[in-house]
Amino acid sequence: MQHDLHLDAYVSFTLAILLLFVGKACTRRFEVLRRYSIPEPVIGGLACIAVVSTLYLVFGLKLDFQLGARDVLLLYFFAAIGLGSDIRTLAKGGRPLVILAVVASVFMVMQNLLGMGVARSFGLDERAGLLVGSISLTGGVGTTLAWAPHFVKDLGILNAEAIGLAANMAGLIAACAIGGPIATWLMRRHRLASSTDGALEISVRHEDESHARLDYHSVLLALLWLNLALILGRGVSSAIAMTGLRLPDFVGSLIAGIVLRNVSARFTKQRGQLWHWDRMRPGVALISDVCLGVFLTMALMGLQVWQMNGVALFVLTAAALQILMAIAFTVFVVYYVMGRDYESAVICAGFGGIALGSTATAIANMTAVTREHGAAPRAFIVVPLVCGFFIDLVNALVIGFMGR
C-alpha cells in the first residue's frame, strides 16, 4: 500500500541546504572527489535519491517535495553570471561561441540518429528515439513535456512522456558525473597547466575557502544589483517573448546582468560609488555559488527512479550508448575544436551538461573544475550563451524535421 508524504516548500528548501552540506563534507573528506571535480550538490542529491527510492520501493512511502524555489534560484544564478561578464571577455568569446554552437548542433543530430537506431532495434517506432535523444537530453524536462503531447496524439507513442522523463533523469545523473573526470583526464593527458590568474566566476578555490574575504557591504551591494538584474530581466524576457521566440526565463536575467555590469561600470569608475565591481565580486560569487548548489541539489531531489518502470530496458540501453557517445565526442572533437588549452578542458566539463543534462549542470561541472584548477572566464561566457540562446532554437528545428 502506497502512502504519500508531502513536504512543503520550507521543509524541502531546508532539506536541500542540509544535503548540500553533506556534499561539501564528503568533498572535504574524500580527496578523490576533489581530484575528479565531482560537483558537491551531486553527492547530496544522489544520497537523497537513494533514500527516497528505498522508502518508495521497500516501504511504499512516496515523498513529495515542493521545489518551486528552484526557478528563483536559477534566475539569481544567471543574473550573477551576467554581472560577472566583462564586455572585453565577451568580445573574445565570439569565435568560440559560434564554434561551440555548431558543434552542439551537430551532436544533437547524432543523438537523435543514435536514439532512432536503438528504438528500431527494440521494435518501436523509430521516432520514439527522439525521446531518448535531443528532446530529453539536450532539451531537458521542459522540452520533454512540451513535445510529449505531439508524440502521443499525432504519432501514437502513448508512453512518450514516461520515456522522455526517464531518459532525462538518466542523462542528468550521468552529466553530473562525467564532466569533472573528463576535464581532469584531458588536463593530465595533454599536460595542461592550471590557471592562476583572476578570481573565480563562481565561488572560490578549495584552498581559499577559509580565507575568502566578505563583508556586509559587498553582500548587500551584490543583493541590490542581483535584484536589479532580475527586475530588468523580466522586461527582457517579455520583449523576447513578443518576437515569438520561446527561450528560458534565465536568458533574460543573464542579458540583464551583462547590460547592468558593462553599462553602469562606464559611469561609476571611482571607488566608493554605488557600483564597484572589485568590492562586490566576493558577494556575487558567494550568492551565485549558494544558488547553483541548492538549485542542483533540488533538481536531483525531484528525480523519481520508479518512473522508469515499463520503459527501463529501452531507456537505459539508449542512455548508456548516449553517454559513451557524449564522452567520445567531447574528448575527441570538442576539446580540439575549442582550442586545446585549459579553457577548452573546462568547456569540455560543461559539454556533458549541454549534451546530457541542463545548463545548470554544465555550469556546476565547470565550477567544480575551476575550484580545483583556477579561473576560466571565457568558458563561463560561451557555455551559458550557447545553452541559453542557440540550443533551444536549433533543437526545436532538429526535432521538428526529424520527428515528421
Protein backbone atom coordinates (compact mmCIF):
# COMPACT_ATOMS: atom_id res chain seq x y z
CA MET A 1 0.00 0.00 0.00
CA GLN A 2 1.37 3.37 -1.04
CA HIS A 3 1.39 6.41 1.22
CA ASP A 4 2.28 9.96 0.18
CA LEU A 5 4.15 12.34 2.45
CA HIS A 6 4.02 15.95 1.25
CA LEU A 7 6.86 18.21 2.36
CA ASP A 8 6.12 21.92 1.99
CA ALA A 9 8.40 24.47 0.36
CA TYR A 10 10.21 25.48 3.57
CA VAL A 11 10.96 21.91 4.59
CA SER A 12 12.07 20.99 1.06
CA PHE A 13 14.32 24.03 0.81
CA THR A 14 15.85 23.36 4.23
CA LEU A 15 16.47 19.73 3.31
CA ALA A 16 18.22 20.85 0.11
CA ILE A 17 20.58 23.03 2.17
CA LEU A 18 21.28 20.13 4.51
CA LEU A 19 22.04 17.84 1.55
CA LEU A 20 24.39 20.46 0.11
CA PHE A 21 26.28 20.44 3.43
CA VAL A 22 26.50 16.65 3.11
CA GLY A 23 28.04 17.03 -0.34
CA LYS A 24 30.53 19.64 0.87
CA ALA A 25 31.53 17.47 3.83
CA CYS A 26 32.12 14.48 1.56
CA THR A 27 34.21 16.59 -0.82
CA ARG A 28 36.40 17.80 2.04
CA ARG A 29 36.78 14.30 3.44
CA PHE A 30 37.45 12.35 0.23
CA GLU A 31 40.26 13.74 -1.92
CA VAL A 32 39.20 11.63 -4.91
CA LEU A 33 36.02 13.70 -5.25
CA ARG A 34 38.09 16.89 -5.49
CA ARG A 35 40.61 15.28 -7.82
CA TYR A 36 37.91 14.41 -10.35
CA SER A 37 35.91 17.61 -9.72
CA ILE A 38 32.62 15.96 -8.77
CA PRO A 39 30.14 18.78 -8.00
CA GLU A 40 29.22 18.97 -4.32
CA PRO A 41 25.43 19.20 -4.93
CA VAL A 42 25.56 15.93 -6.86
CA ILE A 43 26.75 13.98 -3.83
CA GLY A 44 23.95 15.23 -1.59
CA GLY A 45 21.38 14.91 -4.37
CA LEU A 46 22.32 11.31 -5.13
CA ALA A 47 22.14 10.48 -1.43
CA CYS A 48 18.60 11.87 -1.41
CA ILE A 49 17.67 9.81 -4.48
CA ALA A 50 18.92 6.66 -2.77
CA VAL A 51 16.94 7.30 0.42
CA VAL A 52 13.75 8.40 -1.37
CA SER A 53 13.88 5.43 -3.76
CA THR A 54 14.36 3.00 -0.87
CA LEU A 55 11.41 4.46 1.03
CA TYR A 56 9.20 4.12 -2.04
CA LEU A 57 10.32 0.71 -3.32
CA VAL A 58 10.64 -1.01 0.06
CA PHE A 59 8.09 0.72 2.30
CA GLY A 60 5.68 2.21 -0.26
CA LEU A 61 6.24 5.73 1.10
CA LYS A 62 6.41 8.43 -1.58
CA LEU A 63 8.00 11.72 -0.58
CA ASP A 64 6.58 14.70 -2.45
CA PHE A 65 8.90 17.72 -2.34
CA GLN A 66 7.69 21.24 -3.11
CA LEU A 67 10.55 22.55 -5.24
CA GLY A 68 9.21 25.81 -6.64
CA ALA A 69 12.19 27.73 -5.21
CA ARG A 70 14.38 26.20 -7.94
CA ASP A 71 13.16 28.69 -10.53
CA VAL A 72 14.08 31.72 -8.43
CA LEU A 73 17.49 30.30 -7.56
CA LEU A 74 18.22 29.74 -11.24
CA LEU A 75 17.34 33.36 -12.06
CA TYR A 76 19.67 34.66 -9.34
CA PHE A 77 22.43 32.39 -10.56
CA PHE A 78 22.29 33.55 -14.16
CA ALA A 79 21.95 37.17 -13.13
CA ALA A 80 25.22 36.68 -11.25
CA ILE A 81 26.84 35.15 -14.35
CA GLY A 82 25.77 38.25 -16.29
CA LEU A 83 27.07 40.65 -13.65
CA GLY A 84 30.43 38.91 -13.80
CA SER A 85 30.70 39.25 -17.58
CA ASP A 86 33.14 41.92 -18.69
CA ILE A 87 32.44 43.16 -22.23
CA ARG A 88 36.11 42.61 -23.12
CA THR A 89 35.76 38.92 -22.31
CA LEU A 90 32.55 38.79 -24.31
CA ALA A 91 34.37 40.19 -27.33
CA LYS A 92 36.97 37.43 -27.07
CA GLY A 93 34.24 34.81 -26.88
CA GLY A 94 32.75 35.48 -30.32
CA ARG A 95 34.54 32.82 -32.38
CA PRO A 96 34.49 30.09 -29.70
CA LEU A 97 30.78 30.79 -29.16
CA VAL A 98 30.00 30.15 -32.84
CA ILE A 99 32.17 27.03 -32.91
CA LEU A 100 30.55 25.55 -29.80
CA ALA A 101 27.06 26.31 -31.14
CA VAL A 102 27.85 24.47 -34.40
CA VAL A 103 29.45 21.53 -32.58
CA ALA A 104 26.49 21.22 -30.19
CA SER A 105 24.07 21.32 -33.13
CA VAL A 106 25.91 18.51 -34.91
CA PHE A 107 25.86 16.47 -31.71
CA MET A 108 22.09 16.88 -31.36
CA VAL A 109 21.59 15.30 -34.78
CA MET A 110 23.93 12.46 -33.78
CA GLN A 111 21.95 11.99 -30.55
CA ASN A 112 18.72 11.63 -32.45
CA LEU A 113 20.16 9.25 -35.05
CA LEU A 114 21.50 7.03 -32.27
CA GLY A 115 18.19 7.16 -30.37
CA MET A 116 16.22 6.27 -33.51
CA GLY A 117 18.55 3.35 -34.16
CA VAL A 118 18.03 1.99 -30.62
CA ALA A 119 14.25 2.41 -31.00
CA ARG A 120 14.28 0.35 -34.22
CA SER A 121 16.32 -2.38 -32.53
CA PHE A 122 13.62 -2.61 -29.83
CA GLY A 123 10.88 -2.85 -32.47
CA LEU A 124 9.50 0.61 -31.65
CA ASP A 125 8.54 3.50 -33.89
CA GLU A 126 11.94 5.00 -34.71
CA ARG A 127 10.65 8.45 -33.81
CA ALA A 128 10.44 7.27 -30.20
CA GLY A 129 14.21 7.50 -30.37
CA LEU A 130 13.93 11.27 -30.36
CA LEU A 131 12.59 11.00 -26.82
CA VAL A 132 15.90 9.42 -25.73
CA GLY A 133 17.79 11.88 -27.91
CA SER A 134 17.88 15.65 -28.04
CA ILE A 135 14.34 16.10 -26.68
CA SER A 136 15.10 14.80 -23.19
CA LEU A 137 18.90 15.01 -23.04
CA THR A 138 19.73 18.35 -24.65
CA GLY A 139 16.28 19.84 -24.20
CA GLY A 140 15.53 18.74 -20.64
CA VAL A 141 12.27 18.41 -18.76
CA GLY A 142 10.64 21.48 -20.29
CA THR A 143 11.27 20.34 -23.86
CA THR A 144 10.11 16.81 -22.99
CA LEU A 145 6.81 17.99 -21.54
CA ALA A 146 6.28 20.37 -24.47
CA TRP A 147 6.76 17.68 -27.14
CA ALA A 148 5.12 14.71 -25.37
CA PRO A 149 1.53 15.60 -26.44
CA HIS A 150 2.64 15.65 -30.10
CA PHE A 151 4.15 12.18 -29.81
CA VAL A 152 1.04 10.83 -28.06
CA LYS A 153 -1.68 12.41 -30.20
CA ASP A 154 -0.02 12.64 -33.63
CA LEU A 155 2.45 9.76 -33.61
CA GLY A 156 0.62 7.31 -31.34
CA ILE A 157 3.52 6.79 -28.90
CA LEU A 158 1.37 6.54 -25.78
CA ASN A 159 4.14 6.37 -23.16
CA ALA A 160 6.11 9.23 -24.69
CA GLU A 161 6.17 11.33 -21.52
CA ALA A 162 7.38 8.44 -19.35
CA ILE A 163 10.15 7.61 -21.83
CA GLY A 164 11.29 11.23 -22.08
CA LEU A 165 11.29 11.89 -18.33
CA ALA A 166 13.12 8.64 -17.59
CA ALA A 167 15.77 9.42 -20.21
CA ASN A 168 16.17 12.95 -18.84
CA MET A 169 16.68 11.54 -15.35
CA ALA A 170 19.38 9.12 -16.52
CA GLY A 171 21.08 11.84 -18.57
CA LEU A 172 21.05 14.38 -15.76
CA ILE A 173 22.71 12.00 -13.31
CA ALA A 174 25.31 11.00 -15.90
CA ALA A 175 26.02 14.62 -16.84
CA CYS A 176 26.79 15.42 -13.21
CA ALA A 177 29.22 12.51 -13.01
CA ILE A 178 31.25 12.74 -16.25
CA GLY A 179 32.10 16.44 -16.58
CA GLY A 180 34.80 16.72 -13.93
CA PRO A 181 36.54 13.42 -14.75
CA ILE A 182 36.66 14.35 -18.45
CA ALA A 183 38.36 17.68 -17.69
CA THR A 184 40.76 16.02 -15.24
CA TRP A 185 41.72 13.36 -17.78
CA LEU A 186 42.25 15.95 -20.52
CA MET A 187 44.47 18.06 -18.27
CA ARG A 188 46.64 15.06 -17.42
CA ARG A 189 46.66 13.60 -20.92
CA HIS A 190 47.70 16.88 -22.55
CA ARG A 191 49.65 18.27 -19.58
CA LEU A 192 47.57 21.41 -19.34
CA ALA A 193 48.61 23.98 -16.76
CA SER A 194 46.05 25.16 -14.24
CA SER A 195 45.02 28.81 -14.30
CA THR A 196 46.48 31.11 -11.66
CA ASP A 197 45.07 34.40 -12.94
CA GLY A 198 41.97 36.15 -11.66
CA ALA A 199 39.20 35.37 -9.20
CA LEU A 200 36.71 32.63 -9.98
CA GLU A 201 33.46 33.49 -11.71
CA ILE A 202 31.56 31.40 -9.12
CA SER A 203 32.67 30.51 -5.59
CA VAL A 204 36.35 30.38 -4.56
CA ARG A 205 39.09 27.79 -4.95
CA HIS A 206 39.12 24.95 -2.40
CA GLU A 207 42.34 26.12 -0.77
CA ASP A 208 40.97 29.67 -0.43
CA GLU A 209 37.68 28.75 1.27
CA SER A 210 38.88 29.63 4.76
CA HIS A 211 40.42 32.91 3.52
CA ALA A 212 37.54 34.24 1.42
CA ARG A 213 37.05 37.91 2.25
CA LEU A 214 33.47 39.05 2.62
CA ASP A 215 31.91 41.99 4.37
CA TYR A 216 28.44 43.38 4.96
CA HIS A 217 28.78 45.97 2.22
CA SER A 218 29.87 43.52 -0.51
CA VAL A 219 26.99 41.11 0.17
CA LEU A 220 24.37 43.87 0.41
CA LEU A 221 25.68 45.52 -2.76
CA ALA A 222 25.59 42.18 -4.56
CA LEU A 223 21.98 41.58 -3.49
CA LEU A 224 20.99 45.04 -4.71
CA TRP A 225 22.43 44.56 -8.18
CA LEU A 226 21.22 40.98 -8.48
CA ASN A 227 17.68 42.11 -7.76
CA LEU A 228 18.00 44.95 -10.25
CA ALA A 229 19.13 42.37 -12.82
CA LEU A 230 16.09 40.18 -12.06
CA ILE A 231 13.73 43.14 -12.44
CA LEU A 232 15.31 44.20 -15.74
CA GLY A 233 15.46 40.54 -16.79
CA ARG A 234 11.68 40.23 -16.59
CA GLY A 235 11.38 43.07 -19.06
CA VAL A 236 13.97 41.49 -21.36
CA SER A 237 12.14 38.15 -21.24
CA SER A 238 8.85 39.86 -22.07
CA ALA A 239 10.47 41.64 -25.01
CA ILE A 240 11.91 38.36 -26.32
CA ALA A 241 8.52 36.65 -25.97
CA MET A 242 6.92 39.40 -28.09
CA THR A 243 9.16 38.35 -31.01
CA GLY A 244 7.66 34.85 -30.93
CA LEU A 245 10.81 33.20 -29.59
CA ARG A 246 10.42 30.81 -26.65
CA LEU A 247 13.55 30.96 -24.54
CA PRO A 248 14.06 30.05 -20.86
CA ASP A 249 13.42 32.86 -18.37
CA PHE A 250 17.01 32.76 -17.18
CA VAL A 251 18.13 34.17 -20.55
CA GLY A 252 16.53 37.50 -19.64
CA SER A 253 18.36 37.59 -16.30
CA LEU A 254 21.66 36.72 -18.00
CA ILE A 255 21.29 39.52 -20.56
CA ALA A 256 20.18 41.99 -17.90
CA GLY A 257 23.21 41.19 -15.77
CA ILE A 258 25.56 41.71 -18.72
CA VAL A 259 23.96 45.06 -19.56
CA LEU A 260 23.99 46.32 -15.98
CA ARG A 261 27.61 45.33 -15.42
CA ASN A 262 29.01 46.92 -18.54
CA VAL A 263 26.80 49.99 -18.92
CA SER A 264 26.88 51.12 -15.30
CA ALA A 265 30.62 50.47 -15.00
CA ARG A 266 31.23 53.16 -17.62
CA PHE A 267 29.62 55.79 -15.40
CA THR A 268 30.82 54.67 -11.96
CA LYS A 269 34.54 54.11 -12.20
CA GLN A 270 35.59 55.83 -8.99
CA ARG A 271 35.96 53.96 -5.72
CA GLY A 272 33.25 54.46 -3.16
CA GLN A 273 30.43 54.84 -5.65
CA LEU A 274 27.41 52.53 -5.73
CA TRP A 275 28.92 50.33 -8.40
CA HIS A 276 32.35 48.98 -7.58
CA TRP A 277 32.93 45.54 -9.04
CA ASP A 278 36.04 44.60 -7.08
CA ARG A 279 34.19 45.33 -3.83
CA MET A 280 31.09 43.48 -4.94
CA ARG A 281 32.71 40.42 -6.60
CA PRO A 282 33.03 38.27 -3.42
CA GLY A 283 29.35 38.82 -2.59
CA VAL A 284 28.22 37.91 -6.11
CA ALA A 285 30.46 34.82 -6.16
CA LEU A 286 29.08 33.67 -2.80
CA ILE A 287 25.41 34.17 -3.68
CA SER A 288 25.77 32.55 -7.11
CA ASP A 289 27.56 29.55 -5.61
CA VAL A 290 24.84 29.05 -2.99
CA CYS A 291 22.05 29.42 -5.57
CA LEU A 292 23.64 26.97 -8.00
CA GLY A 293 24.39 24.43 -5.27
CA VAL A 294 20.89 24.46 -3.80
CA PHE A 295 19.27 24.51 -7.27
CA LEU A 296 21.13 21.43 -8.49
CA THR A 297 20.52 19.63 -5.21
CA MET A 298 16.79 20.32 -5.52
CA ALA A 299 16.82 19.22 -9.17
CA LEU A 300 18.22 15.85 -8.14
CA MET A 301 15.84 15.61 -5.17
CA GLY A 302 12.93 15.78 -7.61
CA LEU A 303 14.04 12.75 -9.64
CA GLN A 304 11.93 9.62 -9.18
CA VAL A 305 13.64 6.45 -10.40
CA TRP A 306 10.43 4.42 -10.35
CA GLN A 307 9.25 6.45 -13.35
CA MET A 308 11.40 4.10 -15.43
CA ASN A 309 9.02 1.23 -14.70
CA GLY A 310 7.95 -0.33 -18.01
CA VAL A 311 10.49 1.55 -20.15
CA ALA A 312 13.66 0.86 -18.16
CA LEU A 313 15.45 -1.51 -20.58
CA PHE A 314 14.91 0.71 -23.63
CA VAL A 315 15.81 3.90 -21.78
CA LEU A 316 18.87 2.51 -20.01
CA THR A 317 20.21 0.96 -23.22
CA ALA A 318 19.79 4.20 -25.09
CA ALA A 319 21.18 6.25 -22.20
CA ALA A 320 24.30 4.07 -21.90
CA LEU A 321 25.06 4.47 -25.61
CA GLN A 322 24.34 8.22 -25.47
CA ILE A 323 26.70 8.65 -22.52
CA LEU A 324 29.50 6.77 -24.28
CA MET A 325 29.00 8.83 -27.43
CA ALA A 326 28.98 12.08 -25.43
CA ILE A 327 32.26 11.18 -23.72
CA ALA A 328 33.95 10.24 -27.00
CA PHE A 329 32.63 13.31 -28.81
CA THR A 330 33.76 15.62 -26.01
CA VAL A 331 37.27 14.16 -25.78
CA PHE A 332 37.99 13.77 -29.48
CA VAL A 333 36.03 16.66 -31.01
CA VAL A 334 35.03 19.38 -28.56
CA TYR A 335 38.43 19.64 -26.88
CA TYR A 336 40.27 20.05 -30.19
CA VAL A 337 37.92 22.50 -31.89
CA MET A 338 37.68 24.69 -28.78
CA GLY A 339 41.40 25.39 -28.63
CA ARG A 340 43.23 22.51 -26.90
CA ASP A 341 44.01 24.55 -23.78
CA TYR A 342 42.86 24.80 -20.17
CA GLU A 343 39.76 26.82 -21.10
CA SER A 344 38.74 24.17 -23.63
CA ALA A 345 39.10 21.46 -20.95
CA VAL A 346 36.73 23.46 -18.72
CA ILE A 347 34.30 23.81 -21.64
CA CYS A 348 34.51 20.03 -22.10
CA ALA A 349 33.45 19.62 -18.47
CA GLY A 350 30.42 21.74 -19.29
CA PHE A 351 29.64 19.93 -22.55
CA GLY A 352 28.34 16.95 -20.60
CA GLY A 353 25.70 19.27 -19.18
CA ILE A 354 24.88 20.63 -22.62
CA ALA A 355 24.59 17.16 -24.15
CA LEU A 356 23.02 15.17 -21.33
CA GLY A 357 21.73 17.40 -18.56
CA SER A 358 20.99 21.09 -18.36
CA THR A 359 22.63 24.49 -18.39
CA ALA A 360 22.88 24.46 -14.60
CA THR A 361 24.58 21.06 -14.72
CA ALA A 362 27.09 22.37 -17.26
CA ILE A 363 27.93 25.34 -15.04
CA ALA A 364 28.14 23.16 -11.92
CA ASN A 365 30.65 20.87 -13.66
CA MET A 366 32.76 23.82 -14.77
CA THR A 367 32.59 25.38 -11.31
CA ALA A 368 33.86 22.17 -9.73
CA VAL A 369 36.82 22.14 -12.14
CA THR A 370 37.73 25.80 -11.64
CA ARG A 371 37.55 25.49 -7.85
CA GLU A 372 40.29 22.90 -8.12
CA HIS A 373 42.35 24.32 -11.01
CA GLY A 374 41.62 28.05 -11.41
CA ALA A 375 39.51 30.57 -13.34
CA ALA A 376 38.26 30.11 -16.91
CA PRO A 377 36.42 33.36 -17.76
CA ARG A 378 35.82 32.64 -21.46
CA ALA A 379 34.20 29.29 -20.69
CA PHE A 380 31.71 30.92 -18.32
CA ILE A 381 30.61 33.27 -21.11
CA VAL A 382 30.50 30.85 -24.04
CA VAL A 383 28.68 27.91 -22.43
CA PRO A 384 25.74 29.85 -20.85
CA LEU A 385 25.15 31.82 -24.05
CA VAL A 386 25.18 28.69 -26.22
CA CYS A 387 22.87 26.88 -23.79
CA GLY A 388 20.54 29.83 -23.35
CA PHE A 389 20.21 31.13 -26.89
CA PHE A 390 21.17 28.62 -29.54
CA ILE A 391 20.49 25.17 -28.16
CA ASP A 392 16.73 25.54 -27.69
CA LEU A 393 16.27 27.19 -31.08
CA VAL A 394 18.31 24.62 -33.01
CA ASN A 395 16.82 21.74 -31.05
CA ALA A 396 13.29 22.79 -31.97
CA LEU A 397 14.25 22.81 -35.67
CA VAL A 398 16.02 19.46 -35.43
CA ILE A 399 13.14 17.77 -33.60
CA GLY A 400 10.57 19.22 -35.97
CA PHE A 401 12.49 17.97 -39.02
CA MET A 402 13.41 14.51 -37.74
CA GLY A 403 10.07 13.87 -36.00
CA ARG A 404 7.84 14.28 -39.04
